[in-house]
Amino acid sequence: MLVGPSRPEHIAGLRAATRYAGPLFVDPPLRAFRTAGLEHGLTSTYHPLAALKGAVALARGFRQAGRQGDVVQQGGTFVLGPGNRIHFEWRDRYAGDGPDLDDVVQAIPPAPPRSRESEG
């Protein structure tokens, strides 16, 4: 599931750019982002390490598509549940910051065994 600091009219563009087909929610007033304690502001967006990450990405051929939503809101990665469990949490410190994907995948709890009754 993704939560974006955006408006509903931006969902189609995000799906087209990323091919993400899972649940997607928007949070224009940034309630979820404030609750999660995520960074917001010019200093995190235009941080020197963000510029370095951007230059490396550009050199590797990545191009930023149109920006939408709150462009100075930094993201985070969380693995939650079931219940009130937090298995993994990461808060981006600057634009382009992010966790090691292997750490995120390792934090995902195994799916509960399926009963034979639900396989029909």
PDB file of N, CA and C in Angstrom:
ATOM      1  N   MET A   1       0.848  -1.166   0.000  1.00  0.00           N
ATOM      2  CA  MET A   1       0.000   0.000   0.000  1.00  0.00           C
ATOM      3  C   MET A   1       0.895   1.230   0.000  1.00  0.00           C
ATOM      4  N   LEU A   2       0.513   2.225  -0.752  1.00  0.00           N
ATOM      5  CA  LEU A   2       1.225   3.497  -0.788  1.00  0.00           C
ATOM      6  C   LEU A   2       0.314   4.612  -0.315  1.00  0.00           C
ATOM      7  N   VAL A   3       0.902   5.561   0.393  1.00  0.00           N
ATOM      8  CA  VAL A   3       0.201   6.797   0.764  1.00  0.00           C
ATOM      9  C   VAL A   3       1.045   7.925   0.215  1.00  0.00           C
ATOM     10  N   GLY A   4       0.451   8.786  -0.588  1.00  0.00           N
ATOM     11  CA  GLY A   4       1.197   9.879  -1.196  1.00  0.00           C
ATOM     12  C   GLY A   4       0.716  11.243  -0.745  1.00  0.00           C
ATOM     13  N   PRO A   5       1.641  12.215  -0.663  1.00  0.00           N
ATOM     14  CA  PRO A   5       1.274  13.575  -0.286  1.00  0.00           C
ATOM     15  C   PRO A   5       0.733  14.303  -1.497  1.00  0.00           C
ATOM     16  N   SER A   6      -0.402  13.884  -1.968  1.00  0.00           N
ATOM     17  CA  SER A   6      -0.903  14.344  -3.245  1.00  0.00           C
ATOM     18  C   SER A   6      -2.417  14.494  -3.209  1.00  0.00           C
ATOM     19  N   ARG A   7      -3.000  14.683  -4.393  1.00  0.00           N
ATOM     20  CA  ARG A   7      -4.460  14.789  -4.532  1.00  0.00           C
ATOM     21  C   ARG A   7      -4.966  13.630  -5.396  1.00  0.00           C
ATOM     22  N   PRO A   8      -6.243  13.311  -5.299  1.00  0.00           N
ATOM     23  CA  PRO A   8      -6.784  12.169  -6.049  1.00  0.00           C
ATOM     24  C   PRO A   8      -6.515  12.225  -7.554  1.00  0.00           C
ATOM     25  N   GLU A   9      -6.494  13.395  -8.133  1.00  0.00           N
ATOM     26  CA  GLU A   9      -6.276  13.488  -9.583  1.00  0.00           C
ATOM     27  C   GLU A   9      -4.851  13.108 -10.000  1.00  0.00           C
ATOM     28  N   HIS A  10      -3.966  12.919  -9.032  1.00  0.00           N
ATOM     29  CA  HIS A  10      -2.595  12.525  -9.353  1.00  0.00           C
ATOM     30  C   HIS A  10      -2.397  11.010  -9.395  1.00  0.00           C
ATOM     31  N   ILE A  11      -3.379  10.240  -8.967  1.00  0.00           N
ATOM     32  CA  ILE A  11      -3.233   8.785  -8.888  1.00  0.00           C
ATOM     33  C   ILE A  11      -2.938   8.171 -10.256  1.00  0.00           C
ATOM     34  N   ALA A  12      -3.686   8.552 -11.273  1.00  0.00           N
ATOM     35  CA  ALA A  12      -3.498   7.953 -12.599  1.00  0.00           C
ATOM     36  C   ALA A  12      -2.084   8.187 -13.115  1.00  0.00           C
ATOM     37  N   GLY A  13      -1.559   9.389 -12.926  1.00  0.00           N
ATOM     38  CA  GLY A  13      -0.204   9.691 -13.387  1.00  0.00           C
ATOM     39  C   GLY A  13       0.849   8.871 -12.663  1.00  0.00           C
ATOM     40  N   LEU A  14       0.673   8.679 -11.364  1.00  0.00           N
ATOM     41  CA  LEU A  14       1.620   7.873 -10.599  1.00  0.00           C
ATOM     42  C   LEU A  14       1.573   6.427 -11.065  1.00  0.00           C
ATOM     43  N   ARG A  15       0.384   5.909 -11.256  1.00  0.00           N
ATOM     44  CA  ARG A  15       0.254   4.523 -11.725  1.00  0.00           C
ATOM     45  C   ARG A  15       0.896   4.358 -13.102  1.00  0.00           C
ATOM     46  N   ALA A  16       0.690   5.330 -13.985  1.00  0.00           N
ATOM     47  CA  ALA A  16       1.273   5.239 -15.324  1.00  0.00           C
ATOM     48  C   ALA A  16       2.799   5.296 -15.268  1.00  0.00           C
ATOM     49  N   ALA A  17       3.341   6.156 -14.423  1.00  0.00           N
ATOM     50  CA  ALA A  17       4.793   6.326 -14.343  1.00  0.00           C
ATOM     51  C   ALA A  17       5.482   5.157 -13.659  1.00  0.00           C
ATOM     52  N   THR A  18       4.824   4.537 -12.673  1.00  0.00           N
ATOM     53  CA  THR A  18       5.473   3.495 -11.880  1.00  0.00           C
ATOM     54  C   THR A  18       4.973   2.087 -12.161  1.00  0.00           C
ATOM     55  N   ARG A  19       3.819   1.979 -12.786  1.00  0.00           N
ATOM     56  CA  ARG A  19       3.144   0.691 -13.025  1.00  0.00           C
ATOM     57  C   ARG A  19       2.718   0.015 -11.722  1.00  0.00           C
ATOM     58  N   TYR A  20       2.644   0.787 -10.648  1.00  0.00           N
ATOM     59  CA  TYR A  20       2.196   0.252  -9.363  1.00  0.00           C
ATOM     60  C   TYR A  20       0.693   0.015  -9.434  1.00  0.00           C
ATOM     61  N   ALA A  21       0.259  -1.230  -9.136  1.00  0.00           N
ATOM     62  CA  ALA A  21      -1.155  -1.592  -9.246  1.00  0.00           C
ATOM     63  C   ALA A  21      -1.813  -1.854  -7.896  1.00  0.00           C
ATOM     64  N   GLY A  22      -1.065  -1.722  -6.804  1.00  0.00           N
ATOM     65  CA  GLY A  22      -1.601  -2.006  -5.476  1.00  0.00           C
ATOM     66  C   GLY A  22      -2.423  -0.859  -4.924  1.00  0.00           C
ATOM     67  N   PRO A  23      -2.859  -0.992  -3.681  1.00  0.00           N
ATOM     68  CA  PRO A  23      -3.654   0.063  -3.046  1.00  0.00           C
ATOM     69  C   PRO A  23      -2.861   1.371  -2.949  1.00  0.00           C
ATOM     70  N   LEU A  24      -3.506   2.470  -3.315  1.00  0.00           N
ATOM     71  CA  LEU A  24      -2.857   3.776  -3.330  1.00  0.00           C
ATOM     72  C   LEU A  24      -3.806   4.807  -2.741  1.00  0.00           C
ATOM     73  N   PHE A  25      -3.331   5.507  -1.731  1.00  0.00           N
ATOM     74  CA  PHE A  25      -4.135   6.526  -1.062  1.00  0.00           C
ATOM     75  C   PHE A  25      -3.409   7.856  -1.130  1.00  0.00           C
ATOM     76  N   VAL A  26      -4.156   8.922  -1.156  1.00  0.00           N
ATOM     77  CA  VAL A  26      -3.552  10.251  -1.137  1.00  0.00           C
ATOM     78  C   VAL A  26      -3.904  10.950   0.171  1.00  0.00           C
ATOM     79  N   ASP A  27      -3.012  11.833   0.587  1.00  0.00           N
ATOM     80  CA  ASP A  27      -3.130  12.495   1.882  1.00  0.00           C
ATOM     81  C   ASP A  27      -2.761  13.974   1.724  1.00  0.00           C
ATOM     82  N   PRO A  28      -3.629  14.748   1.031  1.00  0.00           N
ATOM     83  CA  PRO A  28      -3.286  16.164   0.801  1.00  0.00           C
ATOM     84  C   PRO A  28      -2.974  16.951   2.076  1.00  0.00           C
ATOM     85  N   PRO A  29      -3.677  16.736   3.198  1.00  0.00           N
ATOM     86  CA  PRO A  29      -3.333  17.516   4.398  1.00  0.00           C
ATOM     87  C   PRO A  29      -2.117  16.968   5.162  1.00  0.00           C
ATOM     88  N   LEU A  30      -1.513  15.895   4.672  1.00  0.00           N
ATOM     89  CA  LEU A  30      -0.295  15.315   5.246  1.00  0.00           C
ATOM     90  C   LEU A  30      -0.460  14.778   6.667  1.00  0.00           C
ATOM     91  N   ARG A  31      -1.646  14.346   7.029  1.00  0.00           N
ATOM     92  CA  ARG A  31      -1.863  13.796   8.376  1.00  0.00           C
ATOM     93  C   ARG A  31      -1.028  12.542   8.611  1.00  0.00           C
ATOM     94  N   ALA A  32      -1.036  11.624   7.649  1.00  0.00           N
ATOM     95  CA  ALA A  32      -0.266  10.384   7.809  1.00  0.00           C
ATOM     96  C   ALA A  32       1.226  10.686   7.882  1.00  0.00           C
ATOM     97  N   PHE A  33       1.684  11.638   7.091  1.00  0.00           N
ATOM     98  CA  PHE A  33       3.109  11.967   7.072  1.00  0.00           C
ATOM     99  C   PHE A  33       3.549  12.615   8.386  1.00  0.00           C
ATOM    100  N   ARG A  34       2.725  13.489   8.927  1.00  0.00           N
ATOM    101  CA  ARG A  34       3.046  14.103  10.223  1.00  0.00           C
ATOM    102  C   ARG A  34       3.039  13.048  11.335  1.00  0.00           C
ATOM    103  N   THR A  35       2.046  12.170  11.312  1.00  0.00           N
ATOM    104  CA  THR A  35       1.945  11.108  12.319  1.00  0.00           C
ATOM    105  C   THR A  35       3.176  10.200  12.267  1.00  0.00           C
ATOM    106  N   ALA A  36       3.669   9.922  11.063  1.00  0.00           N
ATOM    107  CA  ALA A  36       4.836   9.053  10.901  1.00  0.00           C
ATOM    108  C   ALA A  36       6.150   9.780  11.211  1.00  0.00           C
ATOM    109  N   GLY A  37       6.091  11.093  11.402  1.00  0.00           N
ATOM    110  CA  GLY A  37       7.299  11.852  11.728  1.00  0.00           C
ATOM    111  C   GLY A  37       8.247  12.024  10.558  1.00  0.00           C
ATOM    112  N   LEU A  38       7.698  12.166   9.344  1.00  0.00           N
ATOM    113  CA  LEU A  38       8.533  12.291   8.157  1.00  0.00           C
ATOM    114  C   LEU A  38       8.969  13.736   7.925  1.00  0.00           C
ATOM    115  N   GLU A  39      10.129  13.892   7.300  1.00  0.00           N
ATOM    116  CA  GLU A  39      10.715  15.207   7.030  1.00  0.00           C
ATOM    117  C   GLU A  39       9.893  15.984   6.005  1.00  0.00           C
ATOM    118  N   HIS A  40       9.851  17.288   6.193  1.00  0.00           N
ATOM    119  CA  HIS A  40       9.138  18.163   5.261  1.00  0.00           C
ATOM    120  C   HIS A  40       9.870  19.497   5.236  1.00  0.00           C
ATOM    121  N   GLY A  41      10.297  19.916   4.068  1.00  0.00           N
ATOM    122  CA  GLY A  41      10.919  21.229   3.991  1.00  0.00           C
ATOM    123  C   GLY A  41      11.970  21.337   2.909  1.00  0.00           C
ATOM    124  N   LEU A  42      12.362  22.555   2.639  1.00  0.00           N
ATOM    125  CA  LEU A  42      13.348  22.833   1.600  1.00  0.00           C
ATOM    126  C   LEU A  42      14.726  22.265   1.947  1.00  0.00           C
ATOM    127  N   THR A  43      15.104  22.302   3.227  1.00  0.00           N
ATOM    128  CA  THR A  43      16.444  21.840   3.583  1.00  0.00           C
ATOM    129  C   THR A  43      16.614  20.336   3.374  1.00  0.00           C
ATOM    130  N   SER A  44      15.554  19.549   3.527  1.00  0.00           N
ATOM    131  CA  SER A  44      15.679  18.109   3.264  1.00  0.00           C
ATOM    132  C   SER A  44      15.572  17.816   1.770  1.00  0.00           C
ATOM    133  N   THR A  45      14.806  18.619   1.049  1.00  0.00           N
ATOM    134  CA  THR A  45      14.661  18.408  -0.388  1.00  0.00           C
ATOM    135  C   THR A  45      15.924  18.822  -1.139  1.00  0.00           C
ATOM    136  N   TYR A  46      16.506  19.926  -0.748  1.00  0.00           N
ATOM    137  CA  TYR A  46      17.692  20.440  -1.442  1.00  0.00           C
ATOM    138  C   TYR A  46      18.964  20.236  -0.611  1.00  0.00           C
ATOM    139  N   HIS A  47      19.023  19.147   0.100  1.00  0.00           N
ATOM    140  CA  HIS A  47      20.165  18.738   0.911  1.00  0.00           C
ATOM    141  C   HIS A  47      21.347  18.405  -0.015  1.00  0.00           C
ATOM    142  N   PRO A  48      22.587  18.655   0.395  1.00  0.00           N
ATOM    143  CA  PRO A  48      23.728  18.313  -0.464  1.00  0.00           C
ATOM    144  C   PRO A  48      23.760  16.837  -0.888  1.00  0.00           C
ATOM    145  N   LEU A  49      23.377  15.923   0.001  1.00  0.00           N
ATOM    146  CA  LEU A  49      23.352  14.508  -0.383  1.00  0.00           C
ATOM    147  C   LEU A  49      22.253  14.218  -1.401  1.00  0.00           C
ATOM    148  N   ALA A  50      21.175  15.001  -1.373  1.00  0.00           N
ATOM    149  CA  ALA A  50      20.118  14.846  -2.380  1.00  0.00           C
ATOM    150  C   ALA A  50      20.659  15.234  -3.752  1.00  0.00           C
ATOM    151  N   ALA A  51      21.450  16.307  -3.802  1.00  0.00           N
ATOM    152  CA  ALA A  51      22.046  16.731  -5.068  1.00  0.00           C
ATOM    153  C   ALA A  51      22.994  15.657  -5.604  1.00  0.00           C
ATOM    154  N   LEU A  52      23.773  15.058  -4.712  1.00  0.00           N
ATOM    155  CA  LEU A  52      24.689  13.989  -5.116  1.00  0.00           C
ATOM    156  C   LEU A  52      23.918  12.784  -5.649  1.00  0.00           C
ATOM    157  N   LYS A  53      22.887  12.368  -4.930  1.00  0.00           N
ATOM    158  CA  LYS A  53      22.052  11.243  -5.387  1.00  0.00           C
ATOM    159  C   LYS A  53      21.418  11.555  -6.744  1.00  0.00           C
ATOM    160  N   GLY A  54      20.959  12.793  -6.910  1.00  0.00           N
ATOM    161  CA  GLY A  54      20.362  13.208  -8.177  1.00  0.00           C
ATOM    162  C   GLY A  54      21.357  13.147  -9.324  1.00  0.00           C
ATOM    163  N   ALA A  55      22.587  13.593  -9.084  1.00  0.00           N
ATOM    164  CA  ALA A  55      23.621  13.559 -10.120  1.00  0.00           C
ATOM    165  C   ALA A  55      23.957  12.120 -10.514  1.00  0.00           C
ATOM    166  N   VAL A  56      24.045  11.232  -9.532  1.00  0.00           N
ATOM    167  CA  VAL A  56      24.329   9.820  -9.805  1.00  0.00           C
ATOM    168  C   VAL A  56      23.185   9.207 -10.616  1.00  0.00           C
ATOM    169  N   ALA A  57      21.950   9.486 -10.207  1.00  0.00           N
ATOM    170  CA  ALA A  57      20.788   8.954 -10.933  1.00  0.00           C
ATOM    171  C   ALA A  57      20.770   9.470 -12.369  1.00  0.00           C
ATOM    172  N   LEU A  58      21.055  10.741 -12.562  1.00  0.00           N
ATOM    173  CA  LEU A  58      21.081  11.343 -13.900  1.00  0.00           C
ATOM    174  C   LEU A  58      22.151  10.661 -14.754  1.00  0.00           C
ATOM    175  N   ALA A  59      23.339  10.435 -14.176  1.00  0.00           N
ATOM    176  CA  ALA A  59      24.421   9.774 -14.902  1.00  0.00           C
ATOM    177  C   ALA A  59      24.055   8.344 -15.291  1.00  0.00           C
ATOM    178  N   ARG A  60      23.193   7.708 -14.498  1.00  0.00           N
ATOM    179  CA  ARG A  60      22.761   6.333 -14.795  1.00  0.00           C
ATOM    180  C   ARG A  60      21.572   6.294 -15.747  1.00  0.00           C
ATOM    181  N   GLY A  61      21.128   7.461 -16.203  1.00  0.00           N
ATOM    182  CA  GLY A  61      20.060   7.507 -17.202  1.00  0.00           C
ATOM    183  C   GLY A  61      18.662   7.715 -16.661  1.00  0.00           C
ATOM    184  N   PHE A  62      18.520   7.893 -15.355  1.00  0.00           N
ATOM    185  CA  PHE A  62      17.197   8.123 -14.784  1.00  0.00           C
ATOM    186  C   PHE A  62      16.780   9.563 -15.035  1.00  0.00           C
ATOM    187  N   ARG A  63      15.525   9.751 -15.360  1.00  0.00           N
ATOM    188  CA  ARG A  63      14.973  11.084 -15.574  1.00  0.00           C
ATOM    189  C   ARG A  63      13.730  11.231 -14.727  1.00  0.00           C
ATOM    190  N   GLN A  64      13.607  12.371 -14.083  1.00  0.00           N
ATOM    191  CA  GLN A  64      12.434  12.627 -13.251  1.00  0.00           C
ATOM    192  C   GLN A  64      11.270  13.009 -14.145  1.00  0.00           C
ATOM    193  N   ALA A  65      10.144  12.353 -13.922  1.00  0.00           N
ATOM    194  CA  ALA A  65       8.925  12.698 -14.652  1.00  0.00           C
ATOM    195  C   ALA A  65       8.295  13.907 -13.970  1.00  0.00           C
ATOM    196  N   GLY A  66       7.143  14.310 -14.435  1.00  0.00           N
ATOM    197  CA  GLY A  66       6.471  15.458 -13.842  1.00  0.00           C
ATOM    198  C   GLY A  66       6.259  15.288 -12.350  1.00  0.00           C
ATOM    199  N   ARG A  67       6.485  16.347 -11.625  1.00  0.00           N
ATOM    200  CA  ARG A  67       6.303  16.307 -10.175  1.00  0.00           C
ATOM    201  C   ARG A  67       4.865  16.665  -9.844  1.00  0.00           C
ATOM    202  N   GLN A  68       4.342  15.992  -8.836  1.00  0.00           N
ATOM    203  CA  GLN A  68       2.980  16.244  -8.388  1.00  0.00           C
ATOM    204  C   GLN A  68       2.957  16.239  -6.869  1.00  0.00           C
ATOM    205  N   GLY A  69       1.945  16.840  -6.305  1.00  0.00           N
ATOM    206  CA  GLY A  69       1.806  16.805  -4.855  1.00  0.00           C
ATOM    207  C   GLY A  69       2.791  17.731  -4.174  1.00  0.00           C
ATOM    208  N   ASP A  70       3.107  17.426  -2.945  1.00  0.00           N
ATOM    209  CA  ASP A  70       3.980  18.243  -2.120  1.00  0.00           C
ATOM    210  C   ASP A  70       5.426  17.813  -2.356  1.00  0.00           C
ATOM    211  N   VAL A  71       6.165  18.555  -3.171  1.00  0.00           N
ATOM    212  CA  VAL A  71       7.496  18.127  -3.598  1.00  0.00           C
ATOM    213  C   VAL A  71       8.558  18.284  -2.517  1.00  0.00           C
ATOM    214  N   VAL A  72       8.260  18.945  -1.403  1.00  0.00           N
ATOM    215  CA  VAL A  72       9.243  19.052  -0.330  1.00  0.00           C
ATOM    216  C   VAL A  72       8.949  18.073   0.815  1.00  0.00           C
ATOM    217  N   GLN A  73       8.005  17.164   0.594  1.00  0.00           N
ATOM    218  CA  GLN A  73       7.689  16.129   1.580  1.00  0.00           C
ATOM    219  C   GLN A  73       8.566  14.922   1.312  1.00  0.00           C
ATOM    220  N   GLN A  74       9.338  14.512   2.307  1.00  0.00           N
ATOM    221  CA  GLN A  74      10.147  13.300   2.172  1.00  0.00           C
ATOM    222  C   GLN A  74       9.303  12.096   2.574  1.00  0.00           C
ATOM    223  N   GLY A  75       9.656  10.974   2.039  1.00  0.00           N
ATOM    224  CA  GLY A  75       8.883   9.760   2.291  1.00  0.00           C
ATOM    225  C   GLY A  75       9.465   8.889   3.382  1.00  0.00           C
ATOM    226  N   GLY A  76       8.933   7.719   3.457  1.00  0.00           N
ATOM    227  CA  GLY A  76       9.392   6.725   4.408  1.00  0.00           C
ATOM    228  C   GLY A  76       8.943   5.357   3.942  1.00  0.00           C
ATOM    229  N   THR A  77       9.485   4.338   4.563  1.00  0.00           N
ATOM    230  CA  THR A  77       9.130   2.964   4.244  1.00  0.00           C
ATOM    231  C   THR A  77       8.824   2.252   5.551  1.00  0.00           C
ATOM    232  N   PHE A  78       7.655   1.624   5.596  1.00  0.00           N
ATOM    233  CA  PHE A  78       7.217   0.954   6.810  1.00  0.00           C
ATOM    234  C   PHE A  78       6.650  -0.409   6.454  1.00  0.00           C
ATOM    235  N   VAL A  79       6.963  -1.402   7.273  1.00  0.00           N
ATOM    236  CA  VAL A  79       6.333  -2.720   7.179  1.00  0.00           C
ATOM    237  C   VAL A  79       5.525  -2.854   8.460  1.00  0.00           C
ATOM    238  N   LEU A  80       4.213  -2.879   8.310  1.00  0.00           N
ATOM    239  CA  LEU A  80       3.301  -2.873   9.457  1.00  0.00           C
ATOM    240  C   LEU A  80       2.422  -4.115   9.478  1.00  0.00           C
ATOM    241  N   GLY A  81       2.014  -4.504  10.684  1.00  0.00           N
ATOM    242  CA  GLY A  81       0.999  -5.534  10.872  1.00  0.00           C
ATOM    243  C   GLY A  81       1.536  -6.936  10.731  1.00  0.00           C
ATOM    244  N   PRO A  82       0.720  -7.898  11.006  1.00  0.00           N
ATOM    245  CA  PRO A  82      -0.672  -7.715  11.404  1.00  0.00           C
ATOM    246  C   PRO A  82      -0.779  -7.072  12.790  1.00  0.00           C
ATOM    247  N   GLY A  83      -1.930  -6.522  13.035  1.00  0.00           N
ATOM    248  CA  GLY A  83      -2.169  -5.849  14.302  1.00  0.00           C
ATOM    249  C   GLY A  83      -1.367  -4.564  14.396  1.00  0.00           C
ATOM    250  N   ASN A  84      -0.913  -4.245  15.578  1.00  0.00           N
ATOM    251  CA  ASN A  84      -0.177  -3.002  15.816  1.00  0.00           C
ATOM    252  C   ASN A  84       1.332  -3.177  15.731  1.00  0.00           C
ATOM    253  N   ARG A  85       1.798  -4.215  15.088  1.00  0.00           N
ATOM    254  CA  ARG A  85       3.243  -4.486  14.997  1.00  0.00           C
ATOM    255  C   ARG A  85       3.907  -3.618  13.945  1.00  0.00           C
ATOM    256  N   ILE A  86       5.069  -3.104  14.284  1.00  0.00           N
ATOM    257  CA  ILE A  86       5.925  -2.398  13.325  1.00  0.00           C
ATOM    258  C   ILE A  86       7.148  -3.284  13.122  1.00  0.00           C
ATOM    259  N   HIS A  87       7.280  -3.840  11.926  1.00  0.00           N
ATOM    260  CA  HIS A  87       8.387  -4.743  11.627  1.00  0.00           C
ATOM    261  C   HIS A  87       9.592  -3.991  11.078  1.00  0.00           C
ATOM    262  N   PHE A  88       9.340  -2.846  10.456  1.00  0.00           N
ATOM    263  CA  PHE A  88      10.423  -2.061   9.859  1.00  0.00           C
ATOM    264  C   PHE A  88       9.945  -0.621   9.732  1.00  0.00           C
ATOM    265  N   GLU A  89      10.849   0.313  10.018  1.00  0.00           N
ATOM    266  CA  GLU A  89      10.513   1.719   9.787  1.00  0.00           C
ATOM    267  C   GLU A  89      11.750   2.470   9.331  1.00  0.00           C
ATOM    268  N   TRP A  90      11.544   3.304   8.357  1.00  0.00           N
ATOM    269  CA  TRP A  90      12.608   4.125   7.780  1.00  0.00           C
ATOM    270  C   TRP A  90      12.007   5.469   7.403  1.00  0.00           C
ATOM    271  N   ARG A  91      12.678   6.519   7.775  1.00  0.00           N
ATOM    272  CA  ARG A  91      12.255   7.871   7.407  1.00  0.00           C
ATOM    273  C   ARG A  91      13.359   8.496   6.561  1.00  0.00           C
ATOM    274  N   ASP A  92      13.028   8.845   5.322  1.00  0.00           N
ATOM    275  CA  ASP A  92      14.014   9.487   4.454  1.00  0.00           C
ATOM    276  C   ASP A  92      14.464  10.797   5.084  1.00  0.00           C
ATOM    277  N   ARG A  93      15.767  11.017   5.121  1.00  0.00           N
ATOM    278  CA  ARG A  93      16.309  12.250   5.695  1.00  0.00           C
ATOM    279  C   ARG A  93      16.410  13.366   4.666  1.00  0.00           C
ATOM    280  N   TYR A  94      16.476  12.989   3.392  1.00  0.00           N
ATOM    281  CA  TYR A  94      16.611  13.951   2.300  1.00  0.00           C
ATOM    282  C   TYR A  94      16.098  13.290   1.026  1.00  0.00           C
ATOM    283  N   ALA A  95      15.881  14.076  -0.008  1.00  0.00           N
ATOM    284  CA  ALA A  95      15.394  13.551  -1.278  1.00  0.00           C
ATOM    285  C   ALA A  95      16.393  12.540  -1.823  1.00  0.00           C
ATOM    286  N   GLY A  96      15.907  11.371  -2.215  1.00  0.00           N
ATOM    287  CA  GLY A  96      16.765  10.323  -2.744  1.00  0.00           C
ATOM    288  C   GLY A  96      17.268   9.350  -1.692  1.00  0.00           C
ATOM    289  N   ASP A  97      17.016   9.653  -0.428  1.00  0.00           N
ATOM    290  CA  ASP A  97      17.414   8.750   0.648  1.00  0.00           C
ATOM    291  C   ASP A  97      16.431   7.583   0.663  1.00  0.00           C
ATOM    292  N   GLY A  98      16.859   6.451   1.123  1.00  0.00           N
ATOM    293  CA  GLY A  98      15.946   5.313   1.206  1.00  0.00           C
ATOM    294  C   GLY A  98      16.632   4.122   1.841  1.00  0.00           C
ATOM    295  N   PRO A  99      15.843   3.173   2.293  1.00  0.00           N
ATOM    296  CA  PRO A  99      16.413   1.997   2.953  1.00  0.00           C
ATOM    297  C   PRO A  99      16.966   1.002   1.941  1.00  0.00           C
ATOM    298  N   ASP A 100      17.747   0.070   2.430  1.00  0.00           N
ATOM    299  CA  ASP A 100      18.210  -1.037   1.610  1.00  0.00           C
ATOM    300  C   ASP A 100      17.006  -1.959   1.379  1.00  0.00           C
ATOM    301  N   LEU A 101      16.694  -2.232   0.142  1.00  0.00           N
ATOM    302  CA  LEU A 101      15.516  -3.032  -0.190  1.00  0.00           C
ATOM    303  C   LEU A 101      15.579  -4.423   0.428  1.00  0.00           C
ATOM    304  N   ASP A 102      16.762  -5.006   0.527  1.00  0.00           N
ATOM    305  CA  ASP A 102      16.880  -6.326   1.157  1.00  0.00           C
ATOM    306  C   ASP A 102      16.428  -6.284   2.616  1.00  0.00           C
ATOM    307  N   ASP A 103      16.742  -5.180   3.319  1.00  0.00           N
ATOM    308  CA  ASP A 103      16.299  -5.045   4.711  1.00  0.00           C
ATOM    309  C   ASP A 103      14.777  -4.971   4.798  1.00  0.00           C
ATOM    310  N   VAL A 104      14.168  -4.271   3.851  1.00  0.00           N
ATOM    311  CA  VAL A 104      12.707  -4.147   3.841  1.00  0.00           C
ATOM    312  C   VAL A 104      12.068  -5.505   3.587  1.00  0.00           C
ATOM    313  N   VAL A 105      12.547  -6.203   2.576  1.00  0.00           N
ATOM    314  CA  VAL A 105      11.983  -7.517   2.237  1.00  0.00           C
ATOM    315  C   VAL A 105      12.162  -8.495   3.386  1.00  0.00           C
ATOM    316  N   GLN A 106      13.312  -8.460   4.027  1.00  0.00           N
ATOM    317  CA  GLN A 106      13.569  -9.364   5.147  1.00  0.00           C
ATOM    318  C   GLN A 106      12.618  -9.095   6.315  1.00  0.00           C
ATOM    319  N   ALA A 107      12.157  -7.862   6.452  1.00  0.00           N
ATOM    320  CA  ALA A 107      11.265  -7.501   7.562  1.00  0.00           C
ATOM    321  C   ALA A 107       9.811  -7.916   7.335  1.00  0.00           C
ATOM    322  N   ILE A 108       9.462  -8.288   6.120  1.00  0.00           N
ATOM    323  CA  ILE A 108       8.075  -8.670   5.833  1.00  0.00           C
ATOM    324  C   ILE A 108       7.780 -10.004   6.496  1.00  0.00           C
ATOM    325  N   PRO A 109       6.770 -10.036   7.363  1.00  0.00           N
ATOM    326  CA  PRO A 109       6.473 -11.312   8.045  1.00  0.00           C
ATOM    327  C   PRO A 109       5.921 -12.335   7.046  1.00  0.00           C
ATOM    328  N   PRO A 110       6.176 -13.599   7.310  1.00  0.00           N
ATOM    329  CA  PRO A 110       5.633 -14.627   6.411  1.00  0.00           C
ATOM    330  C   PRO A 110       4.107 -14.610   6.450  1.00  0.00           C
ATOM    331  N   ALA A 111       3.521 -14.951   5.339  1.00  0.00           N
ATOM    332  CA  ALA A 111       2.060 -15.027   5.261  1.00  0.00           C
ATOM    333  C   ALA A 111       1.586 -16.200   6.102  1.00  0.00           C
ATOM    334  N   PRO A 112       0.444 -16.038   6.777  1.00  0.00           N
ATOM    335  CA  PRO A 112      -0.074 -17.169   7.562  1.00  0.00           C
ATOM    336  C   PRO A 112      -0.439 -18.316   6.630  1.00  0.00           C
ATOM    337  N   PRO A 113      -0.324 -19.542   7.132  1.00  0.00           N
ATOM    338  CA  PRO A 113      -0.683 -20.685   6.278  1.00  0.00           C
ATOM    339  C   PRO A 113      -2.150 -20.607   5.864  1.00  0.00           C
ATOM    340  N   ARG A 114      -2.388 -20.982   4.634  1.00  0.00           N
ATOM    341  CA  ARG A 114      -3.758 -20.986   4.113  1.00  0.00           C
ATOM    342  C   ARG A 114      -4.416 -22.296   4.470  1.00  0.00           C
ATOM    343  N   SER A 115      -5.664 -22.220   4.844  1.00  0.00           N
ATOM    344  CA  SER A 115      -6.401 -23.451   5.130  1.00  0.00           C
ATOM    345  C   SER A 115      -6.895 -24.041   3.827  1.00  0.00           C
ATOM    346  N   ARG A 116      -7.147 -25.327   3.804  1.00  0.00           N
ATOM    347  CA  ARG A 116      -7.650 -25.977   2.598  1.00  0.00           C
ATOM    348  C   ARG A 116      -9.008 -25.414   2.184  1.00  0.00           C
ATOM    349  N   GLU A 117      -9.768 -24.965   3.176  1.00  0.00           N
ATOM    350  CA  GLU A 117     -11.105 -24.431   2.874  1.00  0.00           C
ATOM    351  C   GLU A 117     -11.026 -23.161   2.049  1.00  0.00           C
ATOM    352  N   SER A 118      -9.948 -22.372   2.212  1.00  0.00           N
ATOM    353  CA  SER A 118      -9.855 -21.105   1.485  1.00  0.00           C
ATOM    354  C   SER A 118      -9.213 -21.280   0.114  1.00  0.00           C
ATOM    355  N   GLU A 119      -8.802 -22.503  -0.253  1.00  0.00           N
ATOM    356  CA  GLU A 119      -8.156 -22.727  -1.539  1.00  0.00           C
ATOM    357  C   GLU A 119      -9.157 -23.059  -2.647  1.00  0.00           C
ATOM    358  N   GLY A 120     -10.417 -23.124  -2.368  1.00  0.00           N
ATOM    359  CA  GLY A 120     -11.394 -23.550  -3.342  1.00  0.00           C
ATOM    360  C   GLY A 120     -11.801 -22.535  -4.236  1.00  0.00           C
TER     361      GLY A 120
END
